[in-house]
Amino acid sequence: MQEPTKPERHIVSKGTYVANTGKKAVLTSFGAAISLAGIAILALTLFIVVRLLWTVRETGAILGLVVIGTVIVILGGLSCALVYYGAKAMKEGKALDTGIPLTRSNTGDLPAVDSLVRASHEPILGQENVLLRAAQPGQETPPEQMVRPSAPPEGRQEQ
């Protein structure tokens, strides 16, 4: 018997992680707000219907029943739609995978294809002329596919 594997979360840049987390929070909050608005409109609809029924009972106006039906259809449909789409947005927000932000502690978990390597005996600074290759074991990378490291921004030193 094989053990079920856990779904792997992908490693993303910190900017992507923040953007995905923000999107998740907005979708969930927006969905909750829309659902609450739908529930409030439903409560308002019930109040209006009861009030109109009371008026129809007191006056005996048949036209009031048409108004009641119209109110139920319009506001009831609106409130149901708001609750439905709010729940859908919350479900979509909860299902959104934010990924794991890339940090020094999890760089070893990156796939070899996504990693650039430099010979360890090379100094870190002054590497503008050195080409980097993808970390693919047993495979020589053509020079056209290699990249040059970018210099760190001024005022910031590499550690």
Protein backbone atom coordinates (compact mmCIF):
# COMPACT_ATOMS: atom_id res chain seq x y z
CA MET A 1 0.00 0.00 0.00
CA GLN A 2 1.32 3.40 -0.97
CA GLU A 3 1.04 6.36 1.38
CA PRO A 4 -0.84 9.33 0.00
CA THR A 5 1.52 12.14 -0.89
CA LYS A 6 0.98 15.61 0.45
CA PRO A 7 0.26 18.22 -2.20
CA GLU A 8 3.45 20.18 -2.69
CA ARG A 9 3.31 23.92 -2.32
CA HIS A 10 5.52 25.77 -4.73
CA ILE A 11 8.20 28.23 -3.70
CA VAL A 12 7.55 31.77 -4.94
CA SER A 13 9.28 35.12 -4.63
CA LYS A 14 8.36 37.29 -1.68
CA GLY A 15 6.60 39.77 -3.97
CA THR A 16 4.46 37.03 -5.50
CA TYR A 17 3.71 35.65 -2.04
CA VAL A 18 2.57 39.07 -0.79
CA ALA A 19 0.45 39.63 -3.91
CA ASN A 20 -1.20 36.20 -3.62
CA THR A 21 -1.82 36.63 0.11
CA GLY A 22 -3.39 40.05 -0.55
CA LYS A 23 -5.59 38.62 -3.28
CA LYS A 24 -6.66 35.81 -0.96
CA ALA A 25 -7.54 38.27 1.82
CA VAL A 26 -9.44 40.59 -0.54
CA LEU A 27 -11.46 37.76 -2.10
CA THR A 28 -12.37 36.29 1.27
CA SER A 29 -13.27 39.66 2.83
CA PHE A 30 -15.19 40.83 -0.23
CA GLY A 31 -17.09 37.55 -0.35
CA ALA A 32 -18.02 37.83 3.32
CA ALA A 33 -19.16 41.44 2.88
CA ILE A 34 -21.31 40.58 -0.14
CA SER A 35 -22.85 37.62 1.68
CA LEU A 36 -23.68 39.80 4.70
CA ALA A 37 -25.20 42.42 2.40
CA GLY A 38 -27.36 39.71 0.84
CA ILE A 39 -28.52 38.54 4.27
CA ALA A 40 -29.29 42.16 5.26
CA ILE A 41 -31.34 42.68 2.08
CA LEU A 42 -33.21 39.44 2.79
CA ALA A 43 -34.03 40.67 6.30
CA LEU A 44 -35.16 44.00 4.83
CA THR A 45 -37.32 42.15 2.32
CA LEU A 46 -39.00 40.18 5.10
CA PHE A 47 -39.64 43.40 7.02
CA ILE A 48 -41.16 45.10 3.96
CA VAL A 49 -43.35 42.09 3.17
CA VAL A 50 -44.67 41.87 6.73
CA ARG A 51 -45.34 45.62 6.74
CA LEU A 52 -47.15 45.42 3.39
CA LEU A 53 -49.19 42.43 4.53
CA TRP A 54 -50.23 44.37 7.60
CA THR A 55 -51.28 47.30 5.40
CA VAL A 56 -53.22 45.03 3.02
CA ARG A 57 -54.98 43.41 5.96
CA GLU A 58 -55.95 46.81 7.37
CA THR A 59 -57.08 48.40 4.09
CA GLY A 60 -58.10 45.37 2.06
CA ALA A 61 -56.27 46.71 -1.00
CA ILE A 62 -55.65 43.99 -3.59
CA LEU A 63 -52.99 46.10 -5.30
CA GLY A 64 -50.85 45.62 -2.20
CA LEU A 65 -50.52 41.91 -3.03
CA VAL A 66 -48.99 42.77 -6.41
CA VAL A 67 -46.52 45.08 -4.69
CA ILE A 68 -45.67 42.34 -2.20
CA GLY A 69 -45.00 39.87 -5.01
CA THR A 70 -42.81 42.36 -6.83
CA VAL A 71 -40.81 43.14 -3.68
CA ILE A 72 -40.29 39.44 -2.97
CA VAL A 73 -39.12 38.70 -6.51
CA ILE A 74 -36.77 41.68 -6.88
CA LEU A 75 -35.24 41.97 -3.41
CA GLY A 76 -35.38 38.23 -2.71
CA GLY A 77 -33.60 37.47 -5.97
CA LEU A 78 -31.03 40.16 -5.31
CA SER A 79 -30.30 38.89 -1.82
CA CYS A 80 -30.00 35.27 -3.01
CA ALA A 81 -27.61 36.32 -5.79
CA LEU A 82 -25.46 38.32 -3.35
CA VAL A 83 -25.24 35.42 -0.90
CA TYR A 84 -24.39 32.97 -3.72
CA TYR A 85 -21.66 35.11 -5.29
CA GLY A 86 -20.29 36.08 -1.88
CA ALA A 87 -19.94 32.43 -0.90
CA LYS A 88 -18.36 31.69 -4.27
CA ALA A 89 -15.77 34.48 -3.78
CA MET A 90 -14.96 33.26 -0.26
CA LYS A 91 -14.50 29.69 -1.54
CA GLU A 92 -12.23 30.93 -4.34
CA GLY A 93 -10.21 32.99 -1.86
CA LYS A 94 -9.74 30.07 0.52
CA ALA A 95 -8.69 27.78 -2.35
CA LEU A 96 -6.04 30.20 -3.65
CA ASP A 97 -2.53 28.81 -3.11
CA THR A 98 -0.21 31.56 -1.94
CA GLY A 99 2.89 29.37 -2.17
CA ILE A 100 5.85 29.47 0.19
CA PRO A 101 8.02 32.61 0.16
CA LEU A 102 11.62 32.05 -0.89
CA THR A 103 13.94 32.45 2.10
CA ARG A 104 17.50 31.41 2.89
CA SER A 105 16.22 28.41 4.84
CA ASN A 106 14.30 26.87 1.91
CA THR A 107 16.57 27.62 -1.06
CA GLY A 108 17.69 23.99 -0.97
CA ASP A 109 14.12 22.94 -1.75
CA LEU A 110 14.15 24.69 -5.14
CA PRO A 111 14.22 22.39 -8.17
CA ALA A 112 17.68 22.21 -9.78
CA VAL A 113 16.29 23.68 -13.01
CA ASP A 114 15.28 26.88 -11.18
CA SER A 115 18.69 27.37 -9.51
CA LEU A 116 21.72 29.19 -10.83
CA VAL A 117 25.09 28.07 -9.50
CA ARG A 118 28.53 29.66 -9.22
CA ALA A 119 31.75 27.88 -8.44
CA SER A 120 32.38 28.13 -4.72
CA HIS A 121 36.01 29.17 -5.14
CA GLU A 122 34.98 32.28 -7.10
CA PRO A 123 34.70 35.54 -5.12
CA ILE A 124 31.20 36.98 -4.76
CA LEU A 125 32.08 40.54 -5.79
CA GLY A 126 33.38 41.43 -9.24
CA GLN A 127 31.52 38.64 -11.03
CA GLU A 128 30.03 40.73 -13.83
CA ASN A 129 32.06 38.81 -16.44
CA VAL A 130 31.37 35.33 -15.09
CA LEU A 131 28.52 33.37 -16.63
CA LEU A 132 26.08 31.41 -14.48
CA ARG A 133 24.48 28.15 -15.58
CA ALA A 134 21.41 26.24 -14.45
CA ALA A 135 22.15 23.50 -11.93
CA GLN A 136 21.49 20.50 -14.16
CA PRO A 137 23.73 17.56 -13.28
CA GLY A 138 25.58 15.85 -16.11
CA GLN A 139 24.61 18.37 -18.75
CA GLU A 140 26.72 21.11 -20.31
CA THR A 141 24.90 24.40 -20.80
CA PRO A 142 25.49 26.23 -24.11
CA PRO A 143 26.90 29.76 -23.64
CA GLU A 144 23.75 31.31 -25.19
CA GLN A 145 21.66 30.02 -22.28
CA MET A 146 23.94 31.33 -19.53
CA VAL A 147 23.25 34.58 -17.71
CA ARG A 148 25.45 37.18 -16.11
CA PRO A 149 24.90 38.00 -12.43
CA SER A 150 23.65 41.48 -11.76
CA ALA A 151 25.58 43.74 -9.46
CA PRO A 152 23.91 44.47 -6.11
CA PRO A 153 22.22 47.89 -5.85
CA GLU A 154 24.42 50.69 -4.52
CA GLY A 155 24.56 50.89 -0.76
CA ARG A 156 23.69 47.21 -0.39
CA GLN A 157 26.34 44.60 0.14
CA GLU A 158 26.01 40.90 -0.42
CA GLN A 159 26.41 38.65 2.59
